[in-house]
Amino acid sequence: MNAERCTDLAAQMMRSALDSWRGGNRLFAVLHAGMGSEFCLKAILCHHDPLLISAHGDRALRFPTLGFAGEPRNQAVMEARNGIAHLAHHNPATAQHVVATALQVAEAVRKELDTPAPDFWRGYAGAFHDLSKVAAMPAMPRVGLEQAAEDLAQAEAKEAARAAMDAAESTAVTAADVIARLPRGLTPSAATRLQDTP
């Protein structure tokens, strides 16, 4: 992972948190904000030195080998994210505080990494800092997964039927052209017999 990829993932998670908040799902807002915070912290660490984030289970890049004591930074980041994510699971009253804090962290990281606000926040660029504004935004259209699959299947069936009709028309035009070129008085079966004769 690199800083750019972590920043992209942080932005996606933070927007998911805002989507959830907008839809009234505080539990998922906190969960996504926690995951977004994890990627924000990873983005900052990677920005300073990519070795600070080691792959899961990679003992060779543990922090002591770099001259620092303690756990590898990815473990510390994971614990920070888990702490945020699980806090609101147990206390829904803290959800707004947790999400707002995560958004402030994300904004600070975005500025530190010089990521343009419209790229990071997209449709929330003017409202992310005020959860009451986010909650007041018009509801996002929801398309159920089953309905989306059904719509796709119907669209594919229509396309297959159209392709079959085009193929049938093309075959009919080709057959009509062949029949039109046959010498007068020669039937298609006679022409076939002539072609099969060595």
N, C-alpha and C. Protein backbone atom coordinates (compact mmCIF):
# COMPACT_ATOMS: atom_id res chain seq x y z
N MET A 1 0.84 -1.17 0.00
CA MET A 1 0.00 0.00 0.00
C MET A 1 0.88 1.24 0.00
N ASN A 2 0.36 2.29 -0.60
CA ASN A 2 1.06 3.56 -0.56
C ASN A 2 0.11 4.64 -0.05
N ALA A 3 0.64 5.84 0.14
CA ALA A 3 -0.16 6.92 0.73
C ALA A 3 -1.37 7.26 -0.14
N GLU A 4 -1.17 7.25 -1.45
CA GLU A 4 -2.28 7.61 -2.34
C GLU A 4 -3.41 6.59 -2.25
N ARG A 5 -3.06 5.31 -2.25
CA ARG A 5 -4.09 4.27 -2.15
C ARG A 5 -4.79 4.33 -0.79
N CYS A 6 -4.05 4.54 0.26
CA CYS A 6 -4.66 4.65 1.59
C CYS A 6 -5.58 5.87 1.67
N THR A 7 -5.16 6.97 1.04
CA THR A 7 -5.99 8.17 1.04
C THR A 7 -7.29 7.93 0.28
N ASP A 8 -7.19 7.24 -0.86
CA ASP A 8 -8.40 6.91 -1.63
C ASP A 8 -9.35 6.05 -0.80
N LEU A 9 -8.81 5.05 -0.12
CA LEU A 9 -9.64 4.18 0.70
C LEU A 9 -10.24 4.95 1.88
N ALA A 10 -9.46 5.85 2.46
CA ALA A 10 -9.98 6.68 3.56
C ALA A 10 -11.15 7.53 3.06
N ALA A 11 -10.99 8.13 1.90
CA ALA A 11 -12.06 8.96 1.34
C ALA A 11 -13.32 8.14 1.08
N GLN A 12 -13.15 6.94 0.53
CA GLN A 12 -14.31 6.07 0.27
C GLN A 12 -15.03 5.71 1.57
N MET A 13 -14.27 5.36 2.59
CA MET A 13 -14.88 4.99 3.87
C MET A 13 -15.56 6.19 4.54
N MET A 14 -14.93 7.35 4.47
CA MET A 14 -15.54 8.53 5.08
C MET A 14 -16.82 8.92 4.34
N ARG A 15 -16.82 8.81 3.02
CA ARG A 15 -18.06 9.08 2.28
C ARG A 15 -19.12 8.04 2.61
N SER A 16 -18.70 6.79 2.81
CA SER A 16 -19.66 5.76 3.23
C SER A 16 -20.24 6.08 4.60
N ALA A 17 -19.39 6.60 5.49
CA ALA A 17 -19.87 7.01 6.82
C ALA A 17 -20.92 8.11 6.67
N LEU A 18 -20.64 9.06 5.79
CA LEU A 18 -21.60 10.16 5.57
C LEU A 18 -22.87 9.66 4.90
N ASP A 19 -22.73 8.72 3.96
CA ASP A 19 -23.92 8.11 3.34
C ASP A 19 -24.79 7.44 4.41
N SER A 20 -24.14 6.70 5.31
CA SER A 20 -24.88 6.02 6.38
C SER A 20 -25.54 7.02 7.31
N TRP A 21 -24.81 8.07 7.66
CA TRP A 21 -25.37 9.10 8.54
C TRP A 21 -26.58 9.74 7.87
N ARG A 22 -26.43 10.04 6.61
CA ARG A 22 -27.51 10.65 5.82
C ARG A 22 -28.74 9.75 5.78
N GLY A 23 -28.51 8.45 5.72
CA GLY A 23 -29.61 7.49 5.67
C GLY A 23 -30.16 7.13 7.04
N GLY A 24 -29.58 7.70 8.11
CA GLY A 24 -30.07 7.44 9.45
C GLY A 24 -29.50 6.21 10.12
N ASN A 25 -28.49 5.58 9.51
CA ASN A 25 -27.90 4.38 10.08
C ASN A 25 -26.62 4.77 10.83
N ARG A 26 -26.79 5.11 12.11
CA ARG A 26 -25.68 5.59 12.92
C ARG A 26 -24.64 4.51 13.17
N LEU A 27 -25.08 3.27 13.31
CA LEU A 27 -24.16 2.17 13.57
C LEU A 27 -23.15 2.02 12.43
N PHE A 28 -23.65 2.01 11.20
CA PHE A 28 -22.74 1.88 10.06
C PHE A 28 -21.94 3.15 9.84
N ALA A 29 -22.49 4.29 10.20
CA ALA A 29 -21.72 5.53 10.09
C ALA A 29 -20.47 5.44 10.97
N VAL A 30 -20.64 4.93 12.18
CA VAL A 30 -19.50 4.79 13.09
C VAL A 30 -18.52 3.75 12.56
N LEU A 31 -19.02 2.64 12.10
CA LEU A 31 -18.15 1.58 11.58
C LEU A 31 -17.32 2.08 10.40
N HIS A 32 -17.98 2.75 9.44
CA HIS A 32 -17.25 3.27 8.28
C HIS A 32 -16.28 4.37 8.67
N ALA A 33 -16.68 5.21 9.64
CA ALA A 33 -15.78 6.27 10.11
C ALA A 33 -14.54 5.66 10.76
N GLY A 34 -14.73 4.57 11.51
CA GLY A 34 -13.60 3.88 12.12
C GLY A 34 -12.65 3.31 11.08
N MET A 35 -13.22 2.69 10.06
CA MET A 35 -12.38 2.14 8.99
C MET A 35 -11.69 3.26 8.22
N GLY A 36 -12.40 4.36 8.00
CA GLY A 36 -11.80 5.51 7.33
C GLY A 36 -10.65 6.09 8.14
N SER A 37 -10.82 6.12 9.47
CA SER A 37 -9.75 6.61 10.34
C SER A 37 -8.51 5.73 10.23
N GLU A 38 -8.73 4.44 10.16
CA GLU A 38 -7.60 3.51 9.99
C GLU A 38 -6.82 3.85 8.72
N PHE A 39 -7.52 4.05 7.62
CA PHE A 39 -6.83 4.36 6.36
C PHE A 39 -6.20 5.75 6.39
N CYS A 40 -6.82 6.69 7.10
CA CYS A 40 -6.20 8.01 7.26
C CYS A 40 -4.86 7.90 7.97
N LEU A 41 -4.85 7.15 9.05
CA LEU A 41 -3.60 6.98 9.80
C LEU A 41 -2.55 6.23 8.96
N LYS A 42 -2.98 5.23 8.22
CA LYS A 42 -2.05 4.53 7.34
C LYS A 42 -1.51 5.45 6.25
N ALA A 43 -2.37 6.32 5.73
CA ALA A 43 -1.94 7.25 4.68
C ALA A 43 -0.85 8.18 5.20
N ILE A 44 -1.02 8.70 6.42
CA ILE A 44 -0.01 9.57 7.00
C ILE A 44 1.29 8.82 7.23
N LEU A 45 1.20 7.61 7.76
CA LEU A 45 2.41 6.82 8.01
C LEU A 45 3.13 6.52 6.70
N CYS A 46 2.38 6.11 5.67
CA CYS A 46 3.00 5.81 4.37
C CYS A 46 3.59 7.07 3.75
N HIS A 47 2.95 8.19 3.97
CA HIS A 47 3.45 9.46 3.43
C HIS A 47 4.84 9.77 4.00
N HIS A 48 5.03 9.49 5.27
CA HIS A 48 6.32 9.77 5.91
C HIS A 48 7.36 8.69 5.59
N ASP A 49 6.93 7.44 5.55
CA ASP A 49 7.84 6.34 5.22
C ASP A 49 7.01 5.09 4.98
N PRO A 50 6.99 4.58 3.75
CA PRO A 50 6.18 3.39 3.44
C PRO A 50 6.53 2.17 4.29
N LEU A 51 7.73 2.12 4.84
CA LEU A 51 8.10 0.98 5.69
C LEU A 51 7.35 0.98 7.02
N LEU A 52 6.72 2.10 7.35
CA LEU A 52 6.00 2.15 8.62
C LEU A 52 4.74 1.29 8.60
N ILE A 53 4.28 0.93 7.42
CA ILE A 53 3.12 0.05 7.29
C ILE A 53 3.62 -1.26 6.69
N SER A 54 3.61 -2.30 7.49
CA SER A 54 4.06 -3.60 6.98
C SER A 54 2.85 -4.46 6.71
N ALA A 55 3.03 -5.41 5.82
CA ALA A 55 1.96 -6.34 5.51
C ALA A 55 1.61 -7.15 6.75
N HIS A 56 0.37 -7.58 6.84
CA HIS A 56 -0.09 -8.36 8.00
C HIS A 56 0.79 -9.60 8.17
N GLY A 57 1.31 -9.75 9.35
CA GLY A 57 2.11 -10.92 9.64
C GLY A 57 3.57 -10.81 9.21
N ASP A 58 3.94 -9.69 8.63
CA ASP A 58 5.32 -9.52 8.17
C ASP A 58 6.20 -9.12 9.35
N ARG A 59 6.89 -10.09 9.92
CA ARG A 59 7.68 -9.83 11.12
C ARG A 59 8.97 -9.07 10.81
N ALA A 60 9.42 -9.13 9.57
CA ALA A 60 10.68 -8.48 9.21
C ALA A 60 10.60 -6.96 9.30
N LEU A 61 9.39 -6.42 9.16
CA LEU A 61 9.26 -4.97 9.16
C LEU A 61 8.67 -4.44 10.45
N ARG A 62 8.74 -5.22 11.50
CA ARG A 62 8.22 -4.75 12.79
C ARG A 62 9.01 -3.53 13.24
N PHE A 63 8.37 -2.70 13.98
CA PHE A 63 8.98 -1.45 14.37
C PHE A 63 10.31 -1.58 15.10
N PRO A 64 10.53 -2.58 15.94
CA PRO A 64 11.84 -2.66 16.60
C PRO A 64 13.01 -2.73 15.62
N THR A 65 12.79 -3.31 14.44
CA THR A 65 13.88 -3.39 13.47
C THR A 65 14.23 -2.01 12.91
N LEU A 66 13.31 -1.07 13.05
CA LEU A 66 13.57 0.29 12.58
C LEU A 66 14.11 1.18 13.70
N GLY A 67 14.32 0.57 14.88
CA GLY A 67 14.86 1.34 15.98
C GLY A 67 13.82 1.89 16.92
N PHE A 68 12.57 1.47 16.77
CA PHE A 68 11.51 1.93 17.65
C PHE A 68 11.03 0.77 18.49
N ALA A 69 10.55 1.08 19.67
CA ALA A 69 10.02 0.03 20.55
C ALA A 69 8.53 -0.13 20.31
N GLY A 70 8.02 -1.28 20.68
CA GLY A 70 6.57 -1.47 20.65
C GLY A 70 6.08 -2.23 19.45
N GLU A 71 4.75 -2.18 19.29
CA GLU A 71 4.07 -2.93 18.23
C GLU A 71 4.31 -2.29 16.87
N PRO A 72 4.12 -3.05 15.81
CA PRO A 72 4.19 -2.44 14.47
C PRO A 72 3.07 -1.43 14.33
N ARG A 73 3.30 -0.41 13.54
CA ARG A 73 2.32 0.67 13.42
C ARG A 73 0.98 0.19 12.86
N ASN A 74 0.99 -0.80 11.97
CA ASN A 74 -0.31 -1.23 11.46
C ASN A 74 -1.16 -1.83 12.57
N GLN A 75 -0.55 -2.48 13.55
CA GLN A 75 -1.30 -3.01 14.69
C GLN A 75 -1.86 -1.87 15.53
N ALA A 76 -1.06 -0.84 15.75
CA ALA A 76 -1.54 0.32 16.51
C ALA A 76 -2.69 1.00 15.78
N VAL A 77 -2.57 1.11 14.46
CA VAL A 77 -3.65 1.71 13.66
C VAL A 77 -4.90 0.86 13.77
N MET A 78 -4.75 -0.47 13.67
CA MET A 78 -5.90 -1.36 13.75
C MET A 78 -6.59 -1.20 15.10
N GLU A 79 -5.80 -1.11 16.17
CA GLU A 79 -6.40 -0.94 17.49
C GLU A 79 -7.12 0.39 17.60
N ALA A 80 -6.56 1.44 16.99
CA ALA A 80 -7.22 2.75 17.01
C ALA A 80 -8.55 2.68 16.29
N ARG A 81 -8.56 2.04 15.12
CA ARG A 81 -9.80 1.91 14.35
C ARG A 81 -10.81 1.08 15.11
N ASN A 82 -10.38 -0.03 15.68
CA ASN A 82 -11.29 -0.89 16.43
C ASN A 82 -11.87 -0.16 17.63
N GLY A 83 -11.05 0.63 18.29
CA GLY A 83 -11.55 1.40 19.43
C GLY A 83 -12.65 2.34 19.01
N ILE A 84 -12.47 3.03 17.89
CA ILE A 84 -13.49 3.95 17.39
C ILE A 84 -14.72 3.17 16.94
N ALA A 85 -14.50 2.11 16.18
CA ALA A 85 -15.62 1.37 15.61
C ALA A 85 -16.49 0.73 16.68
N HIS A 86 -15.87 0.23 17.75
CA HIS A 86 -16.65 -0.49 18.76
C HIS A 86 -17.24 0.42 19.81
N LEU A 87 -16.73 1.62 19.93
CA LEU A 87 -17.23 2.54 20.95
C LEU A 87 -18.72 2.79 20.78
N ALA A 88 -19.15 3.13 19.58
CA ALA A 88 -20.56 3.46 19.38
C ALA A 88 -21.44 2.23 19.34
N HIS A 89 -20.86 1.06 19.11
CA HIS A 89 -21.68 -0.16 19.16
C HIS A 89 -22.26 -0.32 20.55
N HIS A 90 -21.52 0.09 21.54
CA HIS A 90 -21.96 -0.07 22.92
C HIS A 90 -22.68 1.15 23.45
N ASN A 91 -22.47 2.29 22.84
CA ASN A 91 -23.08 3.51 23.34
C ASN A 91 -23.54 4.38 22.17
N PRO A 92 -24.75 4.18 21.67
CA PRO A 92 -25.23 4.94 20.50
C PRO A 92 -25.24 6.45 20.73
N ALA A 93 -25.29 6.89 21.97
CA ALA A 93 -25.30 8.33 22.25
C ALA A 93 -24.00 9.00 21.83
N THR A 94 -22.92 8.24 21.74
CA THR A 94 -21.63 8.81 21.37
C THR A 94 -21.39 8.82 19.87
N ALA A 95 -22.32 8.27 19.09
CA ALA A 95 -22.11 8.12 17.65
C ALA A 95 -21.77 9.45 16.98
N GLN A 96 -22.51 10.50 17.29
CA GLN A 96 -22.26 11.78 16.64
C GLN A 96 -20.86 12.29 16.96
N HIS A 97 -20.46 12.19 18.22
CA HIS A 97 -19.13 12.64 18.62
C HIS A 97 -18.04 11.83 17.91
N VAL A 98 -18.22 10.52 17.85
CA VAL A 98 -17.22 9.65 17.22
C VAL A 98 -17.09 9.95 15.74
N VAL A 99 -18.22 10.05 15.04
CA VAL A 99 -18.18 10.31 13.60
C VAL A 99 -17.61 11.70 13.33
N ALA A 100 -18.03 12.70 14.11
CA ALA A 100 -17.51 14.05 13.91
C ALA A 100 -16.01 14.11 14.13
N THR A 101 -15.53 13.42 15.13
CA THR A 101 -14.09 13.39 15.40
C THR A 101 -13.34 12.71 14.25
N ALA A 102 -13.86 11.60 13.77
CA ALA A 102 -13.23 10.90 12.64
C ALA A 102 -13.18 11.80 11.41
N LEU A 103 -14.23 12.56 11.18
CA LEU A 103 -14.26 13.47 10.03
C LEU A 103 -13.22 14.58 10.18
N GLN A 104 -13.03 15.07 11.40
CA GLN A 104 -12.00 16.09 11.64
C GLN A 104 -10.60 15.53 11.39
N VAL A 105 -10.39 14.30 11.81
CA VAL A 105 -9.09 13.65 11.57
C VAL A 105 -8.86 13.50 10.07
N ALA A 106 -9.90 13.04 9.37
CA ALA A 106 -9.79 12.84 7.93
C ALA A 106 -9.50 14.16 7.21
N GLU A 107 -10.14 15.22 7.64
CA GLU A 107 -9.90 16.52 7.01
C GLU A 107 -8.48 17.00 7.27
N ALA A 108 -7.97 16.79 8.47
CA ALA A 108 -6.59 17.16 8.77
C ALA A 108 -5.61 16.37 7.90
N VAL A 109 -5.87 15.08 7.74
CA VAL A 109 -5.01 14.23 6.90
C VAL A 109 -5.10 14.67 5.45
N ARG A 110 -6.33 14.94 4.99
CA ARG A 110 -6.51 15.40 3.60
C ARG A 110 -5.68 16.65 3.33
N LYS A 111 -5.71 17.59 4.26
CA LYS A 111 -4.93 18.83 4.10
C LYS A 111 -3.44 18.54 4.13
N GLU A 112 -3.02 17.70 5.06
CA GLU A 112 -1.59 17.36 5.19
C GLU A 112 -1.05 16.73 3.90
N LEU A 113 -1.89 15.92 3.25
CA LEU A 113 -1.46 15.23 2.03
C LEU A 113 -1.78 16.01 0.76
N ASP A 114 -2.29 17.23 0.92
CA ASP A 114 -2.61 18.10 -0.22
C ASP A 114 -3.58 17.45 -1.20
N THR A 115 -4.54 16.71 -0.70
CA THR A 115 -5.57 16.11 -1.55
C THR A 115 -6.70 17.13 -1.71
N PRO A 116 -7.10 17.46 -2.93
CA PRO A 116 -8.18 18.44 -3.11
C PRO A 116 -9.48 17.98 -2.43
N ALA A 117 -10.13 18.91 -1.75
CA ALA A 117 -11.37 18.59 -1.03
C ALA A 117 -12.44 17.97 -1.95
N PRO A 118 -12.65 18.50 -3.17
CA PRO A 118 -13.67 17.89 -4.02
C PRO A 118 -13.36 16.44 -4.40
N ASP A 119 -12.07 16.11 -4.49
CA ASP A 119 -11.69 14.72 -4.80
C ASP A 119 -11.94 13.82 -3.60
N PHE A 120 -11.66 14.31 -2.41
CA PHE A 120 -11.79 13.51 -1.20
C PHE A 120 -13.24 13.38 -0.76
N TRP A 121 -13.93 14.51 -0.65
CA TRP A 121 -15.29 14.53 -0.08
C TRP A 121 -16.38 14.41 -1.13
N ARG A 122 -16.07 14.71 -2.38
CA ARG A 122 -17.04 14.70 -3.48
C ARG A 122 -18.30 15.49 -3.11
N GLY A 123 -19.46 14.86 -3.15
CA GLY A 123 -20.72 15.56 -2.91
C GLY A 123 -20.89 16.09 -1.50
N TYR A 124 -20.01 15.71 -0.60
CA TYR A 124 -20.10 16.16 0.79
C TYR A 124 -19.11 17.29 1.10
N ALA A 125 -18.42 17.80 0.10
CA ALA A 125 -17.38 18.80 0.34
C ALA A 125 -17.89 20.02 1.10
N GLY A 126 -19.14 20.41 0.88
CA GLY A 126 -19.67 21.58 1.56
C GLY A 126 -20.41 21.29 2.85
N ALA A 127 -20.55 20.01 3.19
CA ALA A 127 -21.38 19.67 4.35
C ALA A 127 -20.75 18.69 5.32
N PHE A 128 -19.62 18.07 4.99
CA PHE A 128 -19.09 16.98 5.82
C PHE A 128 -18.82 17.41 7.25
N HIS A 129 -18.50 18.69 7.46
CA HIS A 129 -18.14 19.18 8.78
C HIS A 129 -19.35 19.40 9.70
N ASP A 130 -20.57 19.29 9.15
CA ASP A 130 -21.79 19.53 9.92
C ASP A 130 -22.75 18.36 9.71
N LEU A 131 -22.77 17.43 10.66
CA LEU A 131 -23.58 16.22 10.50
C LEU A 131 -25.07 16.52 10.43
N SER A 132 -25.52 17.64 11.00
CA SER A 132 -26.94 17.98 10.87
C SER A 132 -27.25 18.35 9.42
N LYS A 133 -26.31 19.00 8.72
CA LYS A 133 -26.50 19.30 7.29
C LYS A 133 -26.51 18.01 6.48
N VAL A 134 -25.64 17.08 6.83
CA VAL A 134 -25.58 15.80 6.11
C VAL A 134 -26.90 15.06 6.30
N ALA A 135 -27.41 15.03 7.54
CA ALA A 135 -28.67 14.33 7.82
C ALA A 135 -29.84 14.98 7.10
N ALA A 136 -29.77 16.29 6.85
CA ALA A 136 -30.85 17.01 6.19
C ALA A 136 -30.80 16.91 4.67
N MET A 137 -29.73 16.36 4.12
CA MET A 137 -29.62 16.22 2.67
C MET A 137 -30.70 15.27 2.18
N PRO A 138 -31.19 15.49 0.95
CA PRO A 138 -32.21 14.57 0.43
C PRO A 138 -31.72 13.13 0.45
N ALA A 139 -32.65 12.25 0.72
CA ALA A 139 -32.30 10.82 0.79
C ALA A 139 -31.73 10.36 -0.54
N MET A 140 -30.77 9.46 -0.43
CA MET A 140 -30.16 8.90 -1.62
C MET A 140 -31.08 7.80 -2.17
N PRO A 141 -31.23 7.74 -3.49
CA PRO A 141 -32.07 6.68 -4.05
C PRO A 141 -31.46 5.32 -3.75
N ARG A 142 -32.30 4.41 -3.35
CA ARG A 142 -31.84 3.05 -3.01
C ARG A 142 -32.35 2.08 -4.07
N VAL A 143 -31.46 1.28 -4.55
CA VAL A 143 -31.83 0.22 -5.47
C VAL A 143 -31.44 -1.08 -4.79
N GLY A 144 -32.42 -1.92 -4.56
CA GLY A 144 -32.14 -3.20 -3.93
C GLY A 144 -31.28 -4.08 -4.82
N LEU A 145 -30.47 -4.89 -4.22
CA LEU A 145 -29.58 -5.77 -4.98
C LEU A 145 -30.38 -6.72 -5.86
N GLU A 146 -31.47 -7.27 -5.32
CA GLU A 146 -32.28 -8.19 -6.11
C GLU A 146 -32.92 -7.48 -7.30
N GLN A 147 -33.41 -6.25 -7.07
CA GLN A 147 -34.02 -5.50 -8.16
C GLN A 147 -32.98 -5.15 -9.22
N ALA A 148 -31.78 -4.77 -8.79
CA ALA A 148 -30.71 -4.45 -9.74
C ALA A 148 -30.35 -5.67 -10.57
N ALA A 149 -30.29 -6.84 -9.93
CA ALA A 149 -29.98 -8.08 -10.67
C ALA A 149 -31.09 -8.40 -11.66
N GLU A 150 -32.34 -8.21 -11.24
CA GLU A 150 -33.48 -8.48 -12.13
C GLU A 150 -33.46 -7.53 -13.32
N ASP A 151 -33.20 -6.25 -13.07
CA ASP A 151 -33.12 -5.27 -14.16
C ASP A 151 -32.00 -5.62 -15.14
N LEU A 152 -30.86 -6.05 -14.60
CA LEU A 152 -29.75 -6.44 -15.46
C LEU A 152 -30.11 -7.67 -16.30
N ALA A 153 -30.75 -8.65 -15.68
CA ALA A 153 -31.16 -9.86 -16.40
C ALA A 153 -32.14 -9.52 -17.52
N GLN A 154 -33.08 -8.63 -17.23
CA GLN A 154 -34.06 -8.24 -18.26
C GLN A 154 -33.38 -7.49 -19.40
N ALA A 155 -32.43 -6.61 -19.07
CA ALA A 155 -31.71 -5.88 -20.11
C ALA A 155 -30.89 -6.83 -20.98
N GLU A 156 -30.26 -7.82 -20.35
CA GLU A 156 -29.49 -8.80 -21.11
C GLU A 156 -30.39 -9.66 -21.98
N ALA A 157 -31.57 -10.02 -21.47
CA ALA A 157 -32.52 -10.82 -22.26
C ALA A 157 -32.98 -10.03 -23.49
N LYS A 158 -33.25 -8.74 -23.30
CA LYS A 158 -33.66 -7.90 -24.44
C LYS A 158 -32.54 -7.81 -25.47
N GLU A 159 -31.32 -7.65 -24.98
CA GLU A 159 -30.17 -7.56 -25.89
C GLU A 159 -29.98 -8.87 -26.64
N ALA A 160 -30.14 -10.00 -25.95
CA ALA A 160 -30.01 -11.31 -26.60
C ALA A 160 -31.10 -11.51 -27.65
N ALA A 161 -32.32 -11.08 -27.33
CA ALA A 161 -33.42 -11.21 -28.30
C ALA A 161 -33.16 -10.34 -29.52
N ARG A 162 -32.66 -9.11 -29.29
CA ARG A 162 -32.34 -8.22 -30.40
C ARG A 162 -31.22 -8.81 -31.27
N ALA A 163 -30.20 -9.38 -30.62
CA ALA A 163 -29.09 -9.99 -31.37
C ALA A 163 -29.58 -11.19 -32.18
N ALA A 164 -30.47 -11.99 -31.60
CA ALA A 164 -31.02 -13.15 -32.31
C ALA A 164 -31.85 -12.69 -33.51
N MET A 165 -32.65 -11.63 -33.32
CA MET A 165 -33.46 -11.10 -34.43
C MET A 165 -32.57 -10.56 -35.54
N ASP A 166 -31.49 -9.84 -35.16
CA ASP A 166 -30.55 -9.33 -36.16
C ASP A 166 -29.90 -10.48 -36.93
N ALA A 167 -29.52 -11.54 -36.23
CA ALA A 167 -28.91 -12.69 -36.88
C ALA A 167 -29.89 -13.37 -37.83
N ALA A 168 -31.15 -13.50 -37.40
CA ALA A 168 -32.18 -14.13 -38.24
C ALA A 168 -32.42 -13.30 -39.50
N GLU A 169 -32.50 -11.97 -39.33
CA GLU A 169 -32.70 -11.09 -40.48
C GLU A 169 -31.53 -11.18 -41.44
N SER A 170 -30.32 -11.22 -40.91
CA SER A 170 -29.14 -11.31 -41.75
C SER A 170 -29.12 -12.62 -42.52
N THR A 171 -29.48 -13.71 -41.82
CA THR A 171 -29.53 -15.02 -42.47
C THR A 171 -30.60 -15.02 -43.56
N ALA A 172 -31.75 -14.42 -43.29
CA ALA A 172 -32.83 -14.37 -44.28
C ALA A 172 -32.41 -13.56 -45.50
N VAL A 173 -31.74 -12.44 -45.30
CA VAL A 173 -31.27 -11.61 -46.41
C VAL A 173 -30.25 -12.38 -47.24
N THR A 174 -29.34 -13.08 -46.58
CA THR A 174 -28.33 -13.87 -47.29
C THR A 174 -28.99 -14.99 -48.09
N ALA A 175 -29.95 -15.68 -47.49
CA ALA A 175 -30.66 -16.76 -48.18
C ALA A 175 -31.43 -16.22 -49.37
N ALA A 176 -32.10 -15.09 -49.21
CA ALA A 176 -32.85 -14.49 -50.31
C ALA A 176 -31.92 -14.10 -51.44
N ASP A 177 -30.74 -13.58 -51.08
CA ASP A 177 -29.76 -13.18 -52.09
C ASP A 177 -29.26 -14.40 -52.87
N VAL A 178 -28.99 -15.50 -52.16
CA VAL A 178 -28.53 -16.74 -52.82
C VAL A 178 -29.62 -17.27 -53.75
N ILE A 179 -30.84 -17.27 -53.27
CA ILE A 179 -31.95 -17.79 -54.11
C ILE A 179 -32.13 -16.90 -55.33
N ALA A 180 -32.00 -15.59 -55.15
CA ALA A 180 -32.15 -14.67 -56.27
C ALA A 180 -31.07 -14.88 -57.33
N ARG A 181 -29.94 -15.37 -56.98
CA ARG A 181 -28.82 -15.56 -57.92
C ARG A 181 -28.87 -16.92 -58.62
N LEU A 182 -29.74 -17.81 -58.16
CA LEU A 182 -29.84 -19.11 -58.81
C LEU A 182 -30.36 -18.95 -60.24
N PRO A 183 -29.84 -19.76 -61.14
CA PRO A 183 -30.37 -19.71 -62.51
C PRO A 183 -31.86 -20.06 -62.49
N ARG A 184 -32.60 -19.44 -63.40
CA ARG A 184 -34.03 -19.69 -63.46
C ARG A 184 -34.30 -21.17 -63.68
N GLY A 185 -35.28 -21.65 -62.97
CA GLY A 185 -35.68 -23.04 -63.09
C GLY A 185 -34.87 -23.98 -62.20
N LEU A 186 -33.84 -23.48 -61.56
CA LEU A 186 -33.02 -24.32 -60.68
C LEU A 186 -33.48 -24.07 -59.24
N THR A 187 -33.95 -25.12 -58.60
CA THR A 187 -34.43 -24.99 -57.22
C THR A 187 -33.24 -25.04 -56.27
N PRO A 188 -33.43 -24.55 -55.04
CA PRO A 188 -32.33 -24.60 -54.07
C PRO A 188 -31.84 -26.01 -53.81
N SER A 189 -32.73 -27.00 -53.81
CA SER A 189 -32.28 -28.38 -53.56
C SER A 189 -31.46 -28.89 -54.73
N ALA A 190 -31.80 -28.50 -55.95
CA ALA A 190 -31.02 -28.90 -57.12
C ALA A 190 -29.65 -28.23 -57.08
N ALA A 191 -29.60 -26.97 -56.65
CA ALA A 191 -28.33 -26.25 -56.56
C ALA A 191 -27.42 -26.90 -55.52
N THR A 192 -28.00 -27.37 -54.41
CA THR A 192 -27.24 -28.03 -53.39
C THR A 192 -26.66 -29.34 -53.92
N ARG A 193 -27.47 -30.08 -54.69
CA ARG A 193 -26.98 -31.33 -55.27
C ARG A 193 -25.85 -31.07 -56.25
N LEU A 194 -25.94 -29.97 -57.01
CA LEU A 194 -24.87 -29.64 -57.95
C LEU A 194 -23.56 -29.31 -57.20
N GLN A 195 -23.66 -28.61 -56.08
CA GLN A 195 -22.46 -28.27 -55.31
C GLN A 195 -21.84 -29.52 -54.70
N ASP A 196 -22.67 -30.49 -54.29
CA ASP A 196 -22.16 -31.71 -53.67
C ASP A 196 -21.57 -32.67 -54.67
N THR A 197 -21.85 -32.48 -55.96
CA THR A 197 -21.33 -33.38 -56.99
C THR A 197 -19.86 -33.07 -57.27
N PRO A 198 -18.97 -34.10 -57.21
CA PRO A 198 -17.55 -33.84 -57.46
C PRO A 198 -17.24 -33.57 -58.91
